[in-house]
Amino acid sequence: MIISRSGYSGERGYELYMGGDQVVGVWQALMARGEQHGLRPISFGGLEMVHIESGLMAYGAEATEENTPWEVDIGWAVSRTKVDFRGKQAVFDLEGKDKVSLFGIVADHGDMVDHGAALSINGETVGHVTTPAYSQRLGRSLALVHLIPSAAVTGIALELKGPTV
C-alpha cells in the first residue's frame, strides 16, 4: 500500500493506493476505528466542494490540454533549470501569452450556478464557469472560472448567464 498526502481537496487528508483485493478490508477497518473520532465517508460532490473552497484546480475542468501551466497557476511546476525535457522550448514560448486565467468567484446566487455559464462585463463575454458548488459551510455560491486575463481582477463585477459550454 502507498499512503500519500497528495489529495486535491486542500483538506488535511490522505490517499491510499492498494490492490483491489485489499480495498474492502481496509475500508471496513478504517471506518470501524475512525467512528469514535467522527470519521465518515464523503461523496465526490463533497470533495468537489472543498476543492473549490480551497481554490485548487482539477484536471479536465480547470486544466485541460488546451491550457498552459501559467493559465492554471501551475507554472511554478515547470523547471527552468532542468537542462532539457521534451517540449521545454514550446512551453516556455507560451509563457506570458495567456488566453485565460484561472479565477475564483463568489456568486450572488442562492444555489449552485450552472456549469459552463457565461461570464460577461457590459454584455461582452469574458469567461465561463468551469466548476461550480454551493458551500453549505460558507452559505455561498462559489465557482472556479476561466476569465480573459484582463477580467481576472479581485472585486470585479461579472454578469452570469446560463450554461454555454
N, C-alpha and C. Protein backbone atom coordinates (compact mmCIF):
# COMPACT_ATOMS: atom_id res chain seq x y z
N MET A 1 0.84 -1.18 0.00
CA MET A 1 0.00 0.00 0.00
C MET A 1 0.89 1.24 0.00
N ILE A 2 0.44 2.24 -0.74
CA ILE A 2 1.12 3.54 -0.75
C ILE A 2 0.17 4.53 -0.09
N ILE A 3 0.68 5.30 0.86
CA ILE A 3 -0.10 6.34 1.53
C ILE A 3 0.47 7.68 1.08
N SER A 4 -0.40 8.57 0.62
CA SER A 4 0.04 9.84 0.07
C SER A 4 -0.77 10.99 0.67
N ARG A 5 -0.12 12.13 0.84
CA ARG A 5 -0.81 13.36 1.27
C ARG A 5 -1.04 14.25 0.06
N SER A 6 -1.29 13.68 -1.09
CA SER A 6 -1.39 14.44 -2.33
C SER A 6 -2.82 14.65 -2.79
N GLY A 7 -3.77 14.69 -1.89
CA GLY A 7 -5.17 14.87 -2.27
C GLY A 7 -5.41 16.21 -2.94
N TYR A 8 -6.50 16.32 -3.67
CA TYR A 8 -6.77 17.55 -4.40
C TYR A 8 -7.82 18.41 -3.73
N SER A 9 -8.22 18.06 -2.51
CA SER A 9 -9.29 18.82 -1.86
C SER A 9 -8.78 20.02 -1.08
N GLY A 10 -7.52 20.04 -0.71
CA GLY A 10 -7.00 21.12 0.12
C GLY A 10 -7.17 20.84 1.60
N GLU A 11 -7.90 19.81 1.95
CA GLU A 11 -8.10 19.44 3.34
C GLU A 11 -6.95 18.53 3.79
N ARG A 12 -6.71 18.50 5.09
CA ARG A 12 -5.70 17.56 5.59
C ARG A 12 -6.29 16.16 5.44
N GLY A 13 -5.62 15.34 4.71
CA GLY A 13 -6.13 14.00 4.48
C GLY A 13 -5.10 13.17 3.73
N TYR A 14 -5.49 11.98 3.43
CA TYR A 14 -4.57 11.02 2.83
C TYR A 14 -5.27 10.28 1.70
N GLU A 15 -4.49 9.83 0.75
CA GLU A 15 -4.97 8.93 -0.30
C GLU A 15 -4.25 7.61 -0.11
N LEU A 16 -4.98 6.53 -0.24
CA LEU A 16 -4.40 5.19 -0.08
C LEU A 16 -4.46 4.47 -1.42
N TYR A 17 -3.35 3.94 -1.84
CA TYR A 17 -3.27 3.19 -3.10
C TYR A 17 -2.93 1.74 -2.76
N MET A 18 -3.77 0.82 -3.23
CA MET A 18 -3.57 -0.59 -2.91
C MET A 18 -4.23 -1.46 -3.97
N GLY A 19 -4.00 -2.72 -3.88
CA GLY A 19 -4.63 -3.68 -4.78
C GLY A 19 -6.11 -3.78 -4.51
N GLY A 20 -6.88 -4.08 -5.54
CA GLY A 20 -8.33 -4.20 -5.40
C GLY A 20 -8.75 -5.22 -4.36
N ASP A 21 -7.94 -6.25 -4.16
CA ASP A 21 -8.29 -7.28 -3.18
C ASP A 21 -8.16 -6.78 -1.74
N GLN A 22 -7.54 -5.63 -1.52
CA GLN A 22 -7.35 -5.09 -0.17
C GLN A 22 -8.37 -4.01 0.19
N VAL A 23 -9.03 -3.45 -0.79
CA VAL A 23 -9.84 -2.24 -0.58
C VAL A 23 -10.94 -2.44 0.46
N VAL A 24 -11.76 -3.47 0.33
CA VAL A 24 -12.90 -3.65 1.22
C VAL A 24 -12.44 -3.80 2.67
N GLY A 25 -11.44 -4.62 2.92
CA GLY A 25 -10.95 -4.84 4.28
C GLY A 25 -10.37 -3.57 4.89
N VAL A 26 -9.59 -2.82 4.10
CA VAL A 26 -9.01 -1.57 4.60
C VAL A 26 -10.12 -0.56 4.88
N TRP A 27 -11.09 -0.45 3.98
CA TRP A 27 -12.22 0.48 4.18
C TRP A 27 -12.96 0.14 5.47
N GLN A 28 -13.31 -1.12 5.66
CA GLN A 28 -14.07 -1.51 6.85
C GLN A 28 -13.27 -1.26 8.12
N ALA A 29 -11.98 -1.54 8.10
CA ALA A 29 -11.15 -1.31 9.28
C ALA A 29 -11.03 0.19 9.59
N LEU A 30 -10.83 1.00 8.58
CA LEU A 30 -10.75 2.45 8.79
C LEU A 30 -12.05 3.01 9.35
N MET A 31 -13.17 2.61 8.78
CA MET A 31 -14.46 3.11 9.24
C MET A 31 -14.74 2.68 10.67
N ALA A 32 -14.41 1.45 11.01
CA ALA A 32 -14.65 0.95 12.37
C ALA A 32 -13.77 1.69 13.39
N ARG A 33 -12.51 1.85 13.07
CA ARG A 33 -11.60 2.52 14.02
C ARG A 33 -11.80 4.03 14.05
N GLY A 34 -12.26 4.59 12.95
CA GLY A 34 -12.42 6.04 12.89
C GLY A 34 -13.75 6.54 13.41
N GLU A 35 -14.71 5.65 13.62
CA GLU A 35 -16.04 6.07 14.05
C GLU A 35 -16.00 6.90 15.33
N GLN A 36 -15.20 6.47 16.30
CA GLN A 36 -15.13 7.21 17.58
C GLN A 36 -14.50 8.59 17.43
N HIS A 37 -13.84 8.84 16.30
CA HIS A 37 -13.22 10.14 16.04
C HIS A 37 -14.04 10.98 15.06
N GLY A 38 -15.23 10.50 14.72
CA GLY A 38 -16.10 11.25 13.81
C GLY A 38 -15.82 11.00 12.34
N LEU A 39 -15.00 9.99 12.03
CA LEU A 39 -14.71 9.68 10.63
C LEU A 39 -16.00 9.23 9.94
N ARG A 40 -16.24 9.80 8.78
CA ARG A 40 -17.40 9.39 7.99
C ARG A 40 -17.06 9.53 6.51
N PRO A 41 -17.72 8.75 5.67
CA PRO A 41 -17.43 8.82 4.24
C PRO A 41 -17.97 10.12 3.64
N ILE A 42 -17.37 10.51 2.52
CA ILE A 42 -17.81 11.71 1.82
C ILE A 42 -17.93 11.36 0.34
N SER A 43 -18.90 11.96 -0.31
CA SER A 43 -19.11 11.70 -1.73
C SER A 43 -18.14 12.53 -2.56
N PHE A 44 -18.08 12.22 -3.84
CA PHE A 44 -17.24 13.02 -4.73
C PHE A 44 -17.74 14.46 -4.77
N GLY A 45 -19.05 14.66 -4.67
CA GLY A 45 -19.61 16.01 -4.63
C GLY A 45 -19.06 16.80 -3.45
N GLY A 46 -18.92 16.15 -2.32
CA GLY A 46 -18.34 16.81 -1.15
C GLY A 46 -16.88 17.16 -1.37
N LEU A 47 -16.14 16.26 -1.98
CA LEU A 47 -14.74 16.55 -2.30
C LEU A 47 -14.63 17.70 -3.29
N GLU A 48 -15.54 17.72 -4.27
CA GLU A 48 -15.52 18.78 -5.26
C GLU A 48 -15.72 20.14 -4.59
N MET A 49 -16.62 20.19 -3.61
CA MET A 49 -16.87 21.46 -2.94
C MET A 49 -15.64 21.94 -2.18
N VAL A 50 -14.97 21.06 -1.45
CA VAL A 50 -13.81 21.53 -0.70
C VAL A 50 -12.65 21.89 -1.63
N HIS A 51 -12.57 21.26 -2.77
CA HIS A 51 -11.51 21.65 -3.71
C HIS A 51 -11.79 23.04 -4.27
N ILE A 52 -13.06 23.39 -4.45
CA ILE A 52 -13.40 24.73 -4.91
C ILE A 52 -13.17 25.75 -3.80
N GLU A 53 -13.59 25.42 -2.58
CA GLU A 53 -13.35 26.31 -1.44
C GLU A 53 -11.86 26.58 -1.28
N SER A 54 -11.04 25.59 -1.59
CA SER A 54 -9.59 25.74 -1.47
C SER A 54 -8.97 26.43 -2.68
N GLY A 55 -9.73 26.56 -3.76
CA GLY A 55 -9.22 27.20 -4.97
C GLY A 55 -8.25 26.33 -5.74
N LEU A 56 -8.38 25.03 -5.61
CA LEU A 56 -7.47 24.10 -6.30
C LEU A 56 -8.13 23.59 -7.57
N MET A 57 -7.40 23.65 -8.66
CA MET A 57 -7.95 23.21 -9.94
C MET A 57 -7.96 21.70 -10.06
N ALA A 58 -8.81 21.22 -10.96
CA ALA A 58 -8.90 19.80 -11.27
C ALA A 58 -8.63 19.62 -12.76
N TYR A 59 -7.83 18.60 -13.10
CA TYR A 59 -7.56 18.33 -14.50
C TYR A 59 -8.85 17.87 -15.17
N GLY A 60 -9.11 18.39 -16.34
CA GLY A 60 -10.32 18.06 -17.09
C GLY A 60 -11.39 19.13 -16.93
N ALA A 61 -11.29 19.93 -15.89
CA ALA A 61 -12.24 21.02 -15.68
C ALA A 61 -11.50 22.35 -15.80
N GLU A 62 -10.68 22.66 -14.81
CA GLU A 62 -9.93 23.91 -14.83
C GLU A 62 -8.69 23.82 -15.72
N ALA A 63 -8.10 22.66 -15.81
CA ALA A 63 -6.90 22.47 -16.64
C ALA A 63 -7.17 21.39 -17.67
N THR A 64 -6.87 21.70 -18.92
CA THR A 64 -7.01 20.72 -20.00
C THR A 64 -5.74 20.81 -20.85
N GLU A 65 -5.69 20.02 -21.89
CA GLU A 65 -4.55 20.07 -22.81
C GLU A 65 -4.48 21.40 -23.54
N GLU A 66 -5.57 22.16 -23.51
CA GLU A 66 -5.61 23.46 -24.17
C GLU A 66 -4.95 24.57 -23.34
N ASN A 67 -4.71 24.31 -22.06
CA ASN A 67 -4.18 25.34 -21.16
C ASN A 67 -2.69 25.23 -20.98
N THR A 68 -2.06 26.39 -20.84
CA THR A 68 -0.65 26.41 -20.47
C THR A 68 -0.55 26.29 -18.95
N PRO A 69 0.59 25.91 -18.43
CA PRO A 69 0.74 25.85 -16.97
C PRO A 69 0.47 27.20 -16.30
N TRP A 70 0.78 28.29 -16.97
CA TRP A 70 0.60 29.62 -16.38
C TRP A 70 -0.87 30.01 -16.32
N GLU A 71 -1.66 29.52 -17.25
CA GLU A 71 -3.09 29.85 -17.25
C GLU A 71 -3.82 29.21 -16.09
N VAL A 72 -3.29 28.12 -15.56
CA VAL A 72 -3.95 27.41 -14.46
C VAL A 72 -3.11 27.41 -13.18
N ASP A 73 -2.26 28.40 -13.07
CA ASP A 73 -1.47 28.64 -11.84
C ASP A 73 -0.55 27.50 -11.43
N ILE A 74 0.00 26.78 -12.40
CA ILE A 74 0.99 25.75 -12.06
C ILE A 74 2.30 25.96 -12.81
N GLY A 75 2.54 27.17 -13.24
CA GLY A 75 3.81 27.47 -13.90
C GLY A 75 5.01 27.20 -13.00
N TRP A 76 4.80 27.29 -11.69
CA TRP A 76 5.86 27.02 -10.73
C TRP A 76 6.38 25.58 -10.84
N ALA A 77 5.58 24.69 -11.42
CA ALA A 77 5.95 23.28 -11.52
C ALA A 77 6.77 22.97 -12.77
N VAL A 78 7.01 23.96 -13.61
CA VAL A 78 7.79 23.75 -14.83
C VAL A 78 9.22 24.19 -14.55
N SER A 79 10.15 23.27 -14.65
CA SER A 79 11.54 23.55 -14.30
C SER A 79 12.22 24.47 -15.30
N ARG A 80 12.79 25.52 -14.76
CA ARG A 80 13.61 26.43 -15.57
C ARG A 80 15.07 25.98 -15.59
N THR A 81 15.44 25.13 -14.63
CA THR A 81 16.84 24.74 -14.50
C THR A 81 17.17 23.37 -15.07
N LYS A 82 16.17 22.54 -15.29
CA LYS A 82 16.43 21.23 -15.88
C LYS A 82 16.99 21.46 -17.28
N VAL A 83 18.07 20.81 -17.57
CA VAL A 83 18.78 21.05 -18.82
C VAL A 83 17.87 20.93 -20.03
N ASP A 84 17.13 19.85 -20.11
CA ASP A 84 16.29 19.67 -21.28
C ASP A 84 15.17 18.71 -20.94
N PHE A 85 14.02 18.93 -21.49
CA PHE A 85 12.92 17.99 -21.43
C PHE A 85 12.05 18.22 -22.66
N ARG A 86 11.34 17.18 -23.05
CA ARG A 86 10.53 17.24 -24.26
C ARG A 86 9.51 18.37 -24.15
N GLY A 87 9.49 19.27 -25.11
CA GLY A 87 8.54 20.36 -25.15
C GLY A 87 8.95 21.60 -24.36
N LYS A 88 10.17 21.60 -23.82
CA LYS A 88 10.61 22.71 -22.98
C LYS A 88 10.51 24.05 -23.72
N GLN A 89 11.08 24.14 -24.89
CA GLN A 89 11.05 25.40 -25.62
C GLN A 89 9.62 25.81 -25.97
N ALA A 90 8.82 24.83 -26.39
CA ALA A 90 7.44 25.13 -26.78
C ALA A 90 6.62 25.66 -25.61
N VAL A 91 6.78 25.06 -24.43
CA VAL A 91 6.00 25.52 -23.29
C VAL A 91 6.47 26.90 -22.83
N PHE A 92 7.76 27.16 -22.84
CA PHE A 92 8.24 28.48 -22.43
C PHE A 92 7.92 29.55 -23.48
N ASP A 93 7.76 29.16 -24.74
CA ASP A 93 7.33 30.11 -25.76
C ASP A 93 5.91 30.62 -25.49
N LEU A 94 5.11 29.85 -24.73
CA LEU A 94 3.73 30.23 -24.43
C LEU A 94 3.62 31.09 -23.16
N GLU A 95 4.68 31.16 -22.39
CA GLU A 95 4.63 31.94 -21.15
C GLU A 95 4.35 33.41 -21.45
N GLY A 96 3.38 33.98 -20.71
CA GLY A 96 3.01 35.37 -20.90
C GLY A 96 2.01 35.60 -22.02
N LYS A 97 1.60 34.53 -22.68
CA LYS A 97 0.64 34.64 -23.78
C LYS A 97 -0.70 34.01 -23.39
N ASP A 98 -1.07 34.18 -22.14
CA ASP A 98 -2.26 33.54 -21.59
C ASP A 98 -3.54 33.99 -22.31
N LYS A 99 -4.36 33.01 -22.67
CA LYS A 99 -5.68 33.29 -23.24
C LYS A 99 -6.73 33.37 -22.14
N VAL A 100 -6.49 32.63 -21.04
CA VAL A 100 -7.40 32.62 -19.89
C VAL A 100 -6.61 32.67 -18.60
N SER A 101 -7.31 33.02 -17.53
CA SER A 101 -6.75 32.96 -16.18
C SER A 101 -7.73 32.18 -15.32
N LEU A 102 -7.19 31.31 -14.48
CA LEU A 102 -8.00 30.59 -13.51
C LEU A 102 -8.33 31.55 -12.38
N PHE A 103 -9.60 31.62 -12.02
CA PHE A 103 -10.03 32.60 -11.03
C PHE A 103 -11.17 31.99 -10.22
N GLY A 104 -11.37 32.45 -9.02
CA GLY A 104 -12.47 32.00 -8.18
C GLY A 104 -13.45 33.13 -7.99
N ILE A 105 -14.75 32.80 -7.99
CA ILE A 105 -15.77 33.83 -7.78
C ILE A 105 -16.73 33.41 -6.66
N VAL A 106 -17.34 34.39 -6.07
CA VAL A 106 -18.47 34.20 -5.17
C VAL A 106 -19.66 34.81 -5.89
N ALA A 107 -20.66 33.99 -6.17
CA ALA A 107 -21.82 34.45 -6.95
C ALA A 107 -22.95 34.88 -6.02
N ASP A 108 -23.61 35.95 -6.39
CA ASP A 108 -24.79 36.41 -5.67
C ASP A 108 -25.96 35.55 -6.15
N HIS A 109 -26.02 34.33 -5.60
CA HIS A 109 -26.96 33.32 -6.07
C HIS A 109 -27.26 32.40 -4.90
N GLY A 110 -28.50 32.01 -4.74
CA GLY A 110 -28.89 31.19 -3.60
C GLY A 110 -28.64 29.71 -3.76
N ASP A 111 -28.03 29.31 -4.86
CA ASP A 111 -27.78 27.89 -5.13
C ASP A 111 -26.50 27.79 -5.96
N MET A 112 -26.18 26.59 -6.37
CA MET A 112 -25.02 26.40 -7.23
C MET A 112 -25.33 26.99 -8.61
N VAL A 113 -24.39 27.74 -9.18
CA VAL A 113 -24.58 28.29 -10.52
C VAL A 113 -24.37 27.17 -11.54
N ASP A 114 -24.72 27.42 -12.78
CA ASP A 114 -24.61 26.40 -13.82
C ASP A 114 -23.17 26.22 -14.29
N HIS A 115 -22.80 24.95 -14.44
CA HIS A 115 -21.52 24.63 -15.07
C HIS A 115 -21.56 25.17 -16.49
N GLY A 116 -20.52 25.85 -16.90
CA GLY A 116 -20.45 26.36 -18.26
C GLY A 116 -21.11 27.71 -18.45
N ALA A 117 -21.71 28.27 -17.40
CA ALA A 117 -22.38 29.57 -17.53
C ALA A 117 -21.40 30.62 -18.03
N ALA A 118 -21.89 31.47 -18.91
CA ALA A 118 -21.06 32.55 -19.46
C ALA A 118 -20.92 33.67 -18.44
N LEU A 119 -19.75 34.28 -18.43
CA LEU A 119 -19.47 35.44 -17.58
C LEU A 119 -19.19 36.61 -18.50
N SER A 120 -19.82 37.74 -18.22
CA SER A 120 -19.63 38.89 -19.10
C SER A 120 -19.50 40.17 -18.29
N ILE A 121 -19.00 41.19 -18.97
CA ILE A 121 -18.90 42.55 -18.44
C ILE A 121 -19.49 43.46 -19.52
N ASN A 122 -20.53 44.20 -19.16
CA ASN A 122 -21.20 45.10 -20.11
C ASN A 122 -21.58 44.40 -21.41
N GLY A 123 -22.07 43.15 -21.29
CA GLY A 123 -22.53 42.41 -22.45
C GLY A 123 -21.44 41.68 -23.22
N GLU A 124 -20.17 41.90 -22.90
CA GLU A 124 -19.07 41.22 -23.59
C GLU A 124 -18.64 40.00 -22.79
N THR A 125 -18.68 38.82 -23.43
CA THR A 125 -18.28 37.59 -22.75
C THR A 125 -16.80 37.63 -22.43
N VAL A 126 -16.48 37.36 -21.15
CA VAL A 126 -15.09 37.40 -20.71
C VAL A 126 -14.64 36.08 -20.09
N GLY A 127 -15.55 35.08 -20.04
CA GLY A 127 -15.17 33.80 -19.48
C GLY A 127 -16.36 32.89 -19.25
N HIS A 128 -16.10 31.79 -18.53
CA HIS A 128 -17.16 30.83 -18.22
C HIS A 128 -16.83 30.07 -16.94
N VAL A 129 -17.86 29.51 -16.35
CA VAL A 129 -17.73 28.71 -15.13
C VAL A 129 -17.18 27.34 -15.49
N THR A 130 -16.11 26.92 -14.82
CA THR A 130 -15.56 25.59 -15.05
C THR A 130 -16.09 24.59 -14.03
N THR A 131 -16.14 24.96 -12.75
CA THR A 131 -16.65 24.08 -11.70
C THR A 131 -17.38 24.89 -10.65
N PRO A 132 -18.70 24.69 -10.52
CA PRO A 132 -19.46 25.40 -9.50
C PRO A 132 -19.75 24.53 -8.28
N ALA A 133 -20.07 25.17 -7.17
CA ALA A 133 -20.52 24.46 -5.97
C ALA A 133 -21.25 25.45 -5.08
N TYR A 134 -22.16 24.94 -4.28
CA TYR A 134 -22.76 25.77 -3.24
C TYR A 134 -22.20 25.28 -1.92
N SER A 135 -21.53 26.16 -1.20
CA SER A 135 -20.92 25.80 0.07
C SER A 135 -21.93 25.98 1.20
N GLN A 136 -22.40 24.87 1.74
CA GLN A 136 -23.30 24.93 2.89
C GLN A 136 -22.56 25.52 4.09
N ARG A 137 -21.28 25.19 4.20
CA ARG A 137 -20.47 25.67 5.32
C ARG A 137 -20.34 27.19 5.29
N LEU A 138 -20.13 27.75 4.11
CA LEU A 138 -19.96 29.19 3.96
C LEU A 138 -21.28 29.90 3.66
N GLY A 139 -22.30 29.14 3.24
CA GLY A 139 -23.58 29.73 2.86
C GLY A 139 -23.47 30.60 1.62
N ARG A 140 -22.61 30.16 0.67
CA ARG A 140 -22.36 30.97 -0.52
C ARG A 140 -22.21 30.08 -1.75
N SER A 141 -22.52 30.68 -2.89
CA SER A 141 -22.34 30.02 -4.17
C SER A 141 -20.93 30.37 -4.67
N LEU A 142 -20.11 29.36 -4.88
CA LEU A 142 -18.72 29.54 -5.31
C LEU A 142 -18.52 28.89 -6.67
N ALA A 143 -17.52 29.34 -7.37
CA ALA A 143 -17.17 28.67 -8.64
C ALA A 143 -15.73 28.99 -9.00
N LEU A 144 -15.10 28.03 -9.64
CA LEU A 144 -13.83 28.28 -10.31
C LEU A 144 -14.20 28.60 -11.75
N VAL A 145 -13.52 29.57 -12.33
CA VAL A 145 -13.87 30.06 -13.66
C VAL A 145 -12.62 30.31 -14.48
N HIS A 146 -12.79 30.35 -15.78
CA HIS A 146 -11.77 30.84 -16.70
C HIS A 146 -12.22 32.21 -17.17
N LEU A 147 -11.35 33.18 -17.02
CA LEU A 147 -11.61 34.54 -17.48
C LEU A 147 -10.50 34.98 -18.41
N ILE A 148 -10.80 35.92 -19.31
CA ILE A 148 -9.71 36.52 -20.06
C ILE A 148 -8.84 37.26 -19.03
N PRO A 149 -7.54 37.27 -19.21
CA PRO A 149 -6.66 37.84 -18.19
C PRO A 149 -7.02 39.25 -17.72
N SER A 150 -7.48 40.11 -18.60
CA SER A 150 -7.80 41.48 -18.18
C SER A 150 -9.01 41.54 -17.25
N ALA A 151 -9.84 40.50 -17.22
CA ALA A 151 -11.02 40.48 -16.35
C ALA A 151 -10.74 39.81 -15.01
N ALA A 152 -9.59 39.15 -14.89
CA ALA A 152 -9.25 38.42 -13.66
C ALA A 152 -8.70 39.38 -12.62
N VAL A 153 -9.60 40.20 -12.08
CA VAL A 153 -9.23 41.24 -11.13
C VAL A 153 -10.11 41.11 -9.89
N THR A 154 -9.51 41.04 -8.73
CA THR A 154 -10.27 40.94 -7.49
C THR A 154 -11.25 42.10 -7.37
N GLY A 155 -12.50 41.77 -7.05
CA GLY A 155 -13.54 42.78 -6.86
C GLY A 155 -14.31 43.14 -8.11
N ILE A 156 -13.94 42.59 -9.25
CA ILE A 156 -14.64 42.92 -10.50
C ILE A 156 -16.06 42.34 -10.47
N ALA A 157 -17.01 43.07 -11.01
CA ALA A 157 -18.40 42.61 -11.09
C ALA A 157 -18.62 41.93 -12.43
N LEU A 158 -19.07 40.69 -12.38
CA LEU A 158 -19.34 39.91 -13.58
C LEU A 158 -20.82 39.57 -13.66
N GLU A 159 -21.34 39.51 -14.87
CA GLU A 159 -22.71 39.07 -15.09
C GLU A 159 -22.64 37.59 -15.46
N LEU A 160 -23.59 36.81 -14.96
CA LEU A 160 -23.61 35.38 -15.20
C LEU A 160 -24.86 35.03 -15.98
N LYS A 161 -24.70 34.23 -17.03
CA LYS A 161 -25.86 33.85 -17.85
C LYS A 161 -25.77 32.39 -18.26
N GLY A 162 -26.74 31.59 -17.83
CA GLY A 162 -26.95 30.19 -18.20
C GLY A 162 -25.77 29.42 -18.75
N PRO A 163 -25.90 28.10 -18.93
CA PRO A 163 -24.81 27.30 -19.47
C PRO A 163 -24.58 27.56 -20.95
N THR A 164 -23.29 27.66 -21.32
CA THR A 164 -22.96 27.89 -22.73
C THR A 164 -21.89 26.94 -23.23
N VAL A 165 -21.14 26.32 -22.33
CA VAL A 165 -20.02 25.49 -22.77
C VAL A 165 -20.45 24.04 -22.86
